[in-house]
């Protein structure tokens, strides 16, 4: 199953551009996943969910080293400072 409903693209330029468009951002929001650069090129729902799970585990393990600030968005997702700032700049919070 695809994030954006099996949309077809004409060439690699359209495919690359798609990840910055509102339709992809909406699909990611519906899944409860932030639309960050980590997910650029990921089109399958299962792949996006697996990657999001890996990123969350990595954040949990990396936080024990100390110094990492964590932020929570309005939906309760815990993000690093850089992820939070990226999403805030994109207007996705």
PDB file of N, CA and C in Angstrom:
ATOM      1  N   UNK A   1       0.847  -1.177   0.000  1.00  0.00           N
ATOM      2  CA  UNK A   1       0.000   0.000   0.000  1.00  0.00           C
ATOM      3  C   UNK A   1       0.887   1.234   0.000  1.00  0.00           C
ATOM      4  N   UNK A   2       0.547   2.189  -0.810  1.00  0.00           N
ATOM      5  CA  UNK A   2       1.342   3.399  -0.955  1.00  0.00           C
ATOM      6  C   UNK A   2       0.791   4.526  -0.069  1.00  0.00           C
ATOM      7  N   UNK A   3       1.679   5.404   0.373  1.00  0.00           N
ATOM      8  CA  UNK A   3       1.306   6.521   1.239  1.00  0.00           C
ATOM      9  C   UNK A   3       0.337   7.459   0.532  1.00  0.00           C
ATOM     10  N   UNK A   4       0.572   7.713  -0.749  1.00  0.00           N
ATOM     11  CA  UNK A   4      -0.228   8.692  -1.487  1.00  0.00           C
ATOM     12  C   UNK A   4      -1.159   8.050  -2.512  1.00  0.00           C
ATOM     13  N   UNK A   5      -1.638   6.874  -2.237  1.00  0.00           N
ATOM     14  CA  UNK A   5      -2.665   6.257  -3.062  1.00  0.00           C
ATOM     15  C   UNK A   5      -2.235   5.818  -4.450  1.00  0.00           C
ATOM     16  N   UNK A   6      -1.058   5.213  -4.564  1.00  0.00           N
ATOM     17  CA  UNK A   6      -0.582   4.655  -5.832  1.00  0.00           C
ATOM     18  C   UNK A   6      -0.538   5.680  -6.958  1.00  0.00           C
ATOM     19  N   UNK A   7      -0.100   6.878  -6.657  1.00  0.00           N
ATOM     20  CA  UNK A   7       0.026   7.937  -7.649  1.00  0.00           C
ATOM     21  C   UNK A   7       1.177   7.625  -8.591  1.00  0.00           C
ATOM     22  N   UNK A   8       0.986   7.902  -9.862  1.00  0.00           N
ATOM     23  CA  UNK A   8       2.031   7.694 -10.870  1.00  0.00           C
ATOM     24  C   UNK A   8       2.705   9.031 -11.158  1.00  0.00           C
ATOM     25  N   UNK A   9       4.002   8.990 -11.432  1.00  0.00           N
ATOM     26  CA  UNK A   9       4.773  10.193 -11.699  1.00  0.00           C
ATOM     27  C   UNK A   9       5.489  10.072 -13.029  1.00  0.00           C
ATOM     28  N   UNK A  10       5.603  11.187 -13.726  1.00  0.00           N
ATOM     29  CA  UNK A  10       6.284  11.227 -15.022  1.00  0.00           C
ATOM     30  C   UNK A  10       7.726  11.646 -14.807  1.00  0.00           C
ATOM     31  N   UNK A  11       8.580  10.696 -14.642  1.00  0.00           N
ATOM     32  CA  UNK A  11       9.995  10.982 -14.505  1.00  0.00           C
ATOM     33  C   UNK A  11      10.458  11.189 -13.077  1.00  0.00           C
ATOM     34  N   UNK A  12      11.765  11.196 -12.930  1.00  0.00           N
ATOM     35  CA  UNK A  12      12.354  11.300 -11.595  1.00  0.00           C
ATOM     36  C   UNK A  12      12.174  12.689 -10.982  1.00  0.00           C
ATOM     37  N   UNK A  13      12.099  13.720 -11.800  1.00  0.00           N
ATOM     38  CA  UNK A  13      11.914  15.077 -11.271  1.00  0.00           C
ATOM     39  C   UNK A  13      10.568  15.202 -10.565  1.00  0.00           C
ATOM     40  N   UNK A  14       9.507  14.704 -11.180  1.00  0.00           N
ATOM     41  CA  UNK A  14       8.181  14.735 -10.549  1.00  0.00           C
ATOM     42  C   UNK A  14       8.160  13.884  -9.286  1.00  0.00           C
ATOM     43  N   UNK A  15       8.848  12.736  -9.344  1.00  0.00           N
ATOM     44  CA  UNK A  15       8.906  11.851  -8.178  1.00  0.00           C
ATOM     45  C   UNK A  15       9.606  12.550  -7.016  1.00  0.00           C
ATOM     46  N   UNK A  16      10.734  13.185  -7.263  1.00  0.00           N
ATOM     47  CA  UNK A  16      11.476  13.888  -6.216  1.00  0.00           C
ATOM     48  C   UNK A  16      10.676  15.074  -5.674  1.00  0.00           C
ATOM     49  N   UNK A  17      10.007  15.797  -6.543  1.00  0.00           N
ATOM     50  CA  UNK A  17       9.214  16.968  -6.152  1.00  0.00           C
ATOM     51  C   UNK A  17       8.037  16.570  -5.255  1.00  0.00           C
ATOM     52  N   UNK A  18       7.518  15.390  -5.483  1.00  0.00           N
ATOM     53  CA  UNK A  18       6.356  14.909  -4.742  1.00  0.00           C
ATOM     54  C   UNK A  18       6.568  14.934  -3.229  1.00  0.00           C
ATOM     55  N   UNK A  19       7.780  14.663  -2.774  1.00  0.00           N
ATOM     56  CA  UNK A  19       8.029  14.563  -1.337  1.00  0.00           C
ATOM     57  C   UNK A  19       7.970  15.908  -0.621  1.00  0.00           C
ATOM     58  N   UNK A  20       7.911  16.993  -1.366  1.00  0.00           N
ATOM     59  CA  UNK A  20       7.766  18.315  -0.762  1.00  0.00           C
ATOM     60  C   UNK A  20       6.353  18.863  -0.919  1.00  0.00           C
ATOM     61  N   UNK A  21       5.484  18.110  -1.560  1.00  0.00           N
ATOM     62  CA  UNK A  21       4.109  18.567  -1.806  1.00  0.00           C
ATOM     63  C   UNK A  21       3.190  18.234  -0.642  1.00  0.00           C
ATOM     64  N   UNK A  22       2.070  18.920  -0.613  1.00  0.00           N
ATOM     65  CA  UNK A  22       1.106  18.785   0.480  1.00  0.00           C
ATOM     66  C   UNK A  22       0.467  17.397   0.539  1.00  0.00           C
ATOM     67  N   UNK A  23       0.292  16.746  -0.598  1.00  0.00           N
ATOM     68  CA  UNK A  23      -0.352  15.427  -0.579  1.00  0.00           C
ATOM     69  C   UNK A  23       0.490  14.410   0.180  1.00  0.00           C
ATOM     70  N   UNK A  24       1.803  14.458  -0.009  1.00  0.00           N
ATOM     71  CA  UNK A  24       2.677  13.528   0.707  1.00  0.00           C
ATOM     72  C   UNK A  24       2.724  13.882   2.194  1.00  0.00           C
ATOM     73  N   UNK A  25       2.807  15.168   2.497  1.00  0.00           N
ATOM     74  CA  UNK A  25       2.828  15.602   3.894  1.00  0.00           C
ATOM     75  C   UNK A  25       1.540  15.182   4.604  1.00  0.00           C
ATOM     76  N   UNK A  26       0.403  15.304   3.917  1.00  0.00           N
ATOM     77  CA  UNK A  26      -0.874  14.894   4.502  1.00  0.00           C
ATOM     78  C   UNK A  26      -0.899  13.386   4.759  1.00  0.00           C
ATOM     79  N   UNK A  27      -0.422  12.613   3.806  1.00  0.00           N
ATOM     80  CA  UNK A  27      -0.371  11.163   3.981  1.00  0.00           C
ATOM     81  C   UNK A  27       0.493  10.771   5.162  1.00  0.00           C
ATOM     82  N   UNK A  28       1.616  11.444   5.328  1.00  0.00           N
ATOM     83  CA  UNK A  28       2.499  11.146   6.459  1.00  0.00           C
ATOM     84  C   UNK A  28       1.845  11.539   7.783  1.00  0.00           C
ATOM     85  N   UNK A  29       1.158  12.690   7.797  1.00  0.00           N
ATOM     86  CA  UNK A  29       0.450  13.112   9.009  1.00  0.00           C
ATOM     87  C   UNK A  29      -0.624  12.111   9.392  1.00  0.00           C
ATOM     88  N   UNK A  30      -1.333  11.589   8.398  1.00  0.00           N
ATOM     89  CA  UNK A  30      -2.383  10.603   8.669  1.00  0.00           C
ATOM     90  C   UNK A  30      -1.810   9.346   9.311  1.00  0.00           C
ATOM     91  N   UNK A  31      -0.573   9.026   8.991  1.00  0.00           N
ATOM     92  CA  UNK A  31       0.104   7.868   9.578  1.00  0.00           C
ATOM     93  C   UNK A  31       0.707   8.186  10.940  1.00  0.00           C
ATOM     94  N   UNK A  32       0.729   9.468  11.308  1.00  0.00           N
ATOM     95  CA  UNK A  32       1.325   9.877  12.579  1.00  0.00           C
ATOM     96  C   UNK A  32       2.838   9.939  12.515  1.00  0.00           C
ATOM     97  N   UNK A  33       3.366  10.161  11.315  1.00  0.00           N
ATOM     98  CA  UNK A  33       4.812  10.205  11.098  1.00  0.00           C
ATOM     99  C   UNK A  33       5.180  11.598  10.588  1.00  0.00           C
ATOM    100  N   UNK A  34       6.217  12.214  11.156  1.00  0.00           N
ATOM    101  CA  UNK A  34       6.629  13.522  10.650  1.00  0.00           C
ATOM    102  C   UNK A  34       7.239  13.393   9.257  1.00  0.00           C
ATOM    103  N   UNK A  35       7.007  14.367   8.423  1.00  0.00           N
ATOM    104  CA  UNK A  35       7.520  14.347   7.048  1.00  0.00           C
ATOM    105  C   UNK A  35       8.899  14.991   7.019  1.00  0.00           C
ATOM    106  N   UNK A  36       9.907  14.244   7.485  1.00  0.00           N
ATOM    107  CA  UNK A  36      11.273  14.758   7.536  1.00  0.00           C
ATOM    108  C   UNK A  36      12.091  14.180   6.385  1.00  0.00           C
ATOM    109  N   UNK A  37      13.329  14.640   6.266  1.00  0.00           N
ATOM    110  CA  UNK A  37      14.209  14.172   5.195  1.00  0.00           C
ATOM    111  C   UNK A  37      14.511  12.682   5.297  1.00  0.00           C
ATOM    112  N   UNK A  38      14.352  12.105   6.464  1.00  0.00           N
ATOM    113  CA  UNK A  38      14.578  10.669   6.628  1.00  0.00           C
ATOM    114  C   UNK A  38      13.664   9.856   5.716  1.00  0.00           C
ATOM    115  N   UNK A  39      12.493  10.396   5.434  1.00  0.00           N
ATOM    116  CA  UNK A  39      11.477   9.661   4.687  1.00  0.00           C
ATOM    117  C   UNK A  39      11.436  10.029   3.207  1.00  0.00           C
ATOM    118  N   UNK A  40      12.399  10.803   2.749  1.00  0.00           N
ATOM    119  CA  UNK A  40      12.471  11.181   1.336  1.00  0.00           C
ATOM    120  C   UNK A  40      12.775   9.926   0.505  1.00  0.00           C
ATOM    121  N   UNK A  41      11.913   9.606  -0.398  1.00  0.00           N
ATOM    122  CA  UNK A  41      12.081   8.427  -1.238  1.00  0.00           C
ATOM    123  C   UNK A  41      11.290   7.220  -0.761  1.00  0.00           C
ATOM    124  N   UNK A  42      10.694   7.295   0.415  1.00  0.00           N
ATOM    125  CA  UNK A  42       9.893   6.186   0.945  1.00  0.00           C
ATOM    126  C   UNK A  42       8.452   6.376   0.496  1.00  0.00           C
ATOM    127  N   UNK A  43       7.910   5.402  -0.222  1.00  0.00           N
ATOM    128  CA  UNK A  43       6.547   5.518  -0.723  1.00  0.00           C
ATOM    129  C   UNK A  43       5.593   4.500  -0.103  1.00  0.00           C
ATOM    130  N   UNK A  44       6.104   3.405   0.428  1.00  0.00           N
ATOM    131  CA  UNK A  44       5.253   2.357   0.990  1.00  0.00           C
ATOM    132  C   UNK A  44       4.948   2.641   2.461  1.00  0.00           C
ATOM    133  N   UNK A  45       3.717   2.414   2.855  1.00  0.00           N
ATOM    134  CA  UNK A  45       3.289   2.647   4.239  1.00  0.00           C
ATOM    135  C   UNK A  45       4.091   1.786   5.198  1.00  0.00           C
ATOM    136  N   UNK A  46       4.255   0.502   4.880  1.00  0.00           N
ATOM    137  CA  UNK A  46       4.981  -0.410   5.763  1.00  0.00           C
ATOM    138  C   UNK A  46       6.429   0.037   5.952  1.00  0.00           C
ATOM    139  N   UNK A  47       7.070   0.471   4.868  1.00  0.00           N
ATOM    140  CA  UNK A  47       8.457   0.934   4.954  1.00  0.00           C
ATOM    141  C   UNK A  47       8.570   2.179   5.821  1.00  0.00           C
ATOM    142  N   UNK A  48       7.636   3.095   5.668  1.00  0.00           N
ATOM    143  CA  UNK A  48       7.652   4.327   6.462  1.00  0.00           C
ATOM    144  C   UNK A  48       7.457   4.012   7.947  1.00  0.00           C
ATOM    145  N   UNK A  49       6.549   3.100   8.263  1.00  0.00           N
ATOM    146  CA  UNK A  49       6.304   2.738   9.656  1.00  0.00           C
ATOM    147  C   UNK A  49       7.513   2.035  10.268  1.00  0.00           C
ATOM    148  N   UNK A  50       8.167   1.166   9.493  1.00  0.00           N
ATOM    149  CA  UNK A  50       9.372   0.490   9.997  1.00  0.00           C
ATOM    150  C   UNK A  50      10.480   1.488  10.263  1.00  0.00           C
ATOM    151  N   UNK A  51      10.692   2.414   9.324  1.00  0.00           N
ATOM    152  CA  UNK A  51      11.733   3.423   9.489  1.00  0.00           C
ATOM    153  C   UNK A  51      11.424   4.311  10.689  1.00  0.00           C
ATOM    154  N   UNK A  52      10.171   4.702  10.865  1.00  0.00           N
ATOM    155  CA  UNK A  52       9.781   5.535  12.002  1.00  0.00           C
ATOM    156  C   UNK A  52      10.046   4.799  13.309  1.00  0.00           C
ATOM    157  N   UNK A  53       9.738   3.506  13.352  1.00  0.00           N
ATOM    158  CA  UNK A  53      10.019   2.707  14.548  1.00  0.00           C
ATOM    159  C   UNK A  53      11.509   2.649  14.849  1.00  0.00           C
ATOM    160  N   UNK A  54      12.320   2.464  13.816  1.00  0.00           N
ATOM    161  CA  UNK A  54      13.773   2.435  14.003  1.00  0.00           C
ATOM    162  C   UNK A  54      14.291   3.775  14.496  1.00  0.00           C
ATOM    163  N   UNK A  55      13.782   4.865  13.938  1.00  0.00           N
ATOM    164  CA  UNK A  55      14.222   6.195  14.366  1.00  0.00           C
ATOM    165  C   UNK A  55      13.838   6.465  15.815  1.00  0.00           C
ATOM    166  N   UNK A  56      12.659   6.008  16.228  1.00  0.00           N
ATOM    167  CA  UNK A  56      12.234   6.211  17.611  1.00  0.00           C
ATOM    168  C   UNK A  56      13.099   5.395  18.567  1.00  0.00           C
ATOM    169  N   UNK A  57      13.425   4.157  18.198  1.00  0.00           N
ATOM    170  CA  UNK A  57      14.296   3.323  19.035  1.00  0.00           C
ATOM    171  C   UNK A  57      15.675   3.942  19.152  1.00  0.00           C
ATOM    172  N   UNK A  58      16.179   4.475  18.047  1.00  0.00           N
ATOM    173  CA  UNK A  58      17.492   5.109  18.037  1.00  0.00           C
ATOM    174  C   UNK A  58      17.501   6.322  18.958  1.00  0.00           C
ATOM    175  N   UNK A  59      16.426   7.099  18.933  1.00  0.00           N
ATOM    176  CA  UNK A  59      16.320   8.273  19.793  1.00  0.00           C
ATOM    177  C   UNK A  59      16.265   7.880  21.265  1.00  0.00           C
ATOM    178  N   UNK A  60      15.537   6.815  21.572  1.00  0.00           N
ATOM    179  CA  UNK A  60      15.434   6.366  22.957  1.00  0.00           C
ATOM    180  C   UNK A  60      16.792   5.907  23.472  1.00  0.00           C
ATOM    181  N   UNK A  61      17.525   5.183  22.657  1.00  0.00           N
ATOM    182  CA  UNK A  61      18.838   4.699  23.050  1.00  0.00           C
ATOM    183  C   UNK A  61      19.862   5.808  23.107  1.00  0.00           C
ATOM    184  N   UNK A  62      19.782   6.761  22.204  1.00  0.00           N
ATOM    185  CA  UNK A  62      20.745   7.859  22.142  1.00  0.00           C
ATOM    186  C   UNK A  62      20.543   8.888  23.226  1.00  0.00           C
ATOM    187  N   UNK A  63      19.347   8.969  23.800  1.00  0.00           N
ATOM    188  CA  UNK A  63      19.064   9.965  24.820  1.00  0.00           C
ATOM    189  C   UNK A  63      19.786   9.701  26.128  1.00  0.00           C
ATOM    190  N   UNK A  64      20.194   8.459  26.382  1.00  0.00           N
ATOM    191  CA  UNK A  64      20.869   8.117  27.628  1.00  0.00           C
ATOM    192  C   UNK A  64      22.265   8.713  27.694  1.00  0.00           C
ATOM    193  N   UNK A  65      22.849   9.061  26.540  1.00  0.00           N
ATOM    194  CA  UNK A  65      24.176   9.650  26.500  1.00  0.00           C
ATOM    195  C   UNK A  65      24.213  11.038  27.110  1.00  0.00           C
ATOM    196  N   UNK A  66      23.073  11.672  27.236  1.00  0.00           N
ATOM    197  CA  UNK A  66      22.978  12.967  27.896  1.00  0.00           C
ATOM    198  C   UNK A  66      22.979  14.117  26.906  1.00  0.00           C
ATOM    199  N   UNK A  67      22.444  15.242  27.366  1.00  0.00           N
ATOM    200  CA  UNK A  67      22.507  16.466  26.602  1.00  0.00           C
ATOM    201  C   UNK A  67      21.461  16.631  25.520  1.00  0.00           C
ATOM    202  N   UNK A  68      20.777  15.594  25.113  1.00  0.00           N
ATOM    203  CA  UNK A  68      19.808  15.702  24.024  1.00  0.00           C
ATOM    204  C   UNK A  68      18.479  16.257  24.512  1.00  0.00           C
ATOM    205  N   UNK A  69      18.074  17.382  23.941  1.00  0.00           N
ATOM    206  CA  UNK A  69      16.791  17.958  24.304  1.00  0.00           C
ATOM    207  C   UNK A  69      15.689  17.249  23.535  1.00  0.00           C
ATOM    208  N   UNK A  70      14.576  17.018  24.206  1.00  0.00           N
ATOM    209  CA  UNK A  70      13.434  16.388  23.567  1.00  0.00           C
ATOM    210  C   UNK A  70      12.252  17.331  23.634  1.00  0.00           C
ATOM    211  N   UNK A  71      11.466  17.332  22.564  1.00  0.00           N
ATOM    212  CA  UNK A  71      10.288  18.175  22.465  1.00  0.00           C
ATOM    213  C   UNK A  71       9.093  17.290  22.157  1.00  0.00           C
ATOM    214  N   UNK A  72       7.913  17.747  22.571  1.00  0.00           N
ATOM    215  CA  UNK A  72       6.688  16.998  22.305  1.00  0.00           C
ATOM    216  C   UNK A  72       5.758  17.882  21.484  1.00  0.00           C
ATOM    217  N   UNK A  73       5.230  17.332  20.393  1.00  0.00           N
ATOM    218  CA  UNK A  73       4.299  18.109  19.585  1.00  0.00           C
ATOM    219  C   UNK A  73       2.887  17.964  20.135  1.00  0.00           C
ATOM    220  N   UNK A  74       1.920  18.597  19.482  1.00  0.00           N
ATOM    221  CA  UNK A  74       0.546  18.604  19.975  1.00  0.00           C
ATOM    222  C   UNK A  74      -0.103  17.219  19.966  1.00  0.00           C
ATOM    223  N   UNK A  75       0.439  16.289  19.177  1.00  0.00           N
ATOM    224  CA  UNK A  75      -0.116  14.932  19.115  1.00  0.00           C
ATOM    225  C   UNK A  75       0.561  13.980  20.089  1.00  0.00           C
ATOM    226  N   UNK A  76       1.543  14.472  20.834  1.00  0.00           N
ATOM    227  CA  UNK A  76       2.218  13.641  21.820  1.00  0.00           C
ATOM    228  C   UNK A  76       3.460  12.936  21.298  1.00  0.00           C
ATOM    229  N   UNK A  77       3.874  13.221  20.060  1.00  0.00           N
ATOM    230  CA  UNK A  77       5.088  12.623  19.509  1.00  0.00           C
ATOM    231  C   UNK A  77       6.308  13.303  20.113  1.00  0.00           C
ATOM    232  N   UNK A  78       7.273  12.501  20.553  1.00  0.00           N
ATOM    233  CA  UNK A  78       8.499  13.032  21.124  1.00  0.00           C
ATOM    234  C   UNK A  78       9.531  13.157  20.011  1.00  0.00           C
ATOM    235  N   UNK A  79      10.092  14.365  19.865  1.00  0.00           N
ATOM    236  CA  UNK A  79      11.032  14.657  18.793  1.00  0.00           C
ATOM    237  C   UNK A  79      12.294  15.286  19.359  1.00  0.00           C
ATOM    238  N   UNK A  80      13.385  15.188  18.619  1.00  0.00           N
ATOM    239  CA  UNK A  80      14.596  15.893  19.004  1.00  0.00           C
ATOM    240  C   UNK A  80      14.410  17.372  18.685  1.00  0.00           C
ATOM    241  N   UNK A  81      15.323  18.175  19.173  1.00  0.00           N
ATOM    242  CA  UNK A  81      15.226  19.612  18.929  1.00  0.00           C
ATOM    243  C   UNK A  81      15.279  19.916  17.433  1.00  0.00           C
ATOM    244  N   UNK A  82      16.196  19.260  16.713  1.00  0.00           N
ATOM    245  CA  UNK A  82      16.339  19.535  15.283  1.00  0.00           C
ATOM    246  C   UNK A  82      15.097  19.090  14.502  1.00  0.00           C
ATOM    247  N   UNK A  83      14.524  17.941  14.862  1.00  0.00           N
ATOM    248  CA  UNK A  83      13.302  17.488  14.198  1.00  0.00           C
ATOM    249  C   UNK A  83      12.158  18.457  14.460  1.00  0.00           C
ATOM    250  N   UNK A  84      12.034  18.893  15.708  1.00  0.00           N
ATOM    251  CA  UNK A  84      10.970  19.818  16.081  1.00  0.00           C
ATOM    252  C   UNK A  84      11.100  21.138  15.323  1.00  0.00           C
ATOM    253  N   UNK A  85      12.323  21.654  15.237  1.00  0.00           N
ATOM    254  CA  UNK A  85      12.546  22.916  14.538  1.00  0.00           C
ATOM    255  C   UNK A  85      12.274  22.760  13.040  1.00  0.00           C
ATOM    256  N   UNK A  86      12.662  21.626  12.456  1.00  0.00           N
ATOM    257  CA  UNK A  86      12.393  21.377  11.039  1.00  0.00           C
ATOM    258  C   UNK A  86      10.890  21.376  10.779  1.00  0.00           C
ATOM    259  N   UNK A  87      10.139  20.691  11.622  1.00  0.00           N
ATOM    260  CA  UNK A  87       8.691  20.623  11.445  1.00  0.00           C
ATOM    261  C   UNK A  87       8.045  21.993  11.674  1.00  0.00           C
ATOM    262  N   UNK A  88       8.560  22.757  12.622  1.00  0.00           N
ATOM    263  CA  UNK A  88       8.024  24.086  12.895  1.00  0.00           C
ATOM    264  C   UNK A  88       8.254  25.002  11.693  1.00  0.00           C
ATOM    265  N   UNK A  89       9.446  24.909  11.082  1.00  0.00           N
ATOM    266  CA  UNK A  89       9.731  25.725   9.894  1.00  0.00           C
ATOM    267  C   UNK A  89       8.824  25.370   8.734  1.00  0.00           C
ATOM    268  N   UNK A  90       8.466  24.083   8.643  1.00  0.00           N
ATOM    269  CA  UNK A  90       7.588  23.627   7.558  1.00  0.00           C
ATOM    270  C   UNK A  90       6.121  23.895   7.856  1.00  0.00           C
ATOM    271  N   UNK A  91       5.824  24.341   9.069  1.00  0.00           N
ATOM    272  CA  UNK A  91       4.447  24.640   9.450  1.00  0.00           C
ATOM    273  C   UNK A  91       3.622  23.395   9.708  1.00  0.00           C
ATOM    274  N   UNK A  92       4.262  22.320  10.111  1.00  0.00           N
ATOM    275  CA  UNK A  92       3.564  21.052  10.302  1.00  0.00           C
ATOM    276  C   UNK A  92       3.218  20.760  11.756  1.00  0.00           C
ATOM    277  N   UNK A  93       3.449  21.711  12.640  1.00  0.00           N
ATOM    278  CA  UNK A  93       3.121  21.469  14.050  1.00  0.00           C
ATOM    279  C   UNK A  93       1.836  22.155  14.425  1.00  0.00           C
TER     280      UNK A  93
END
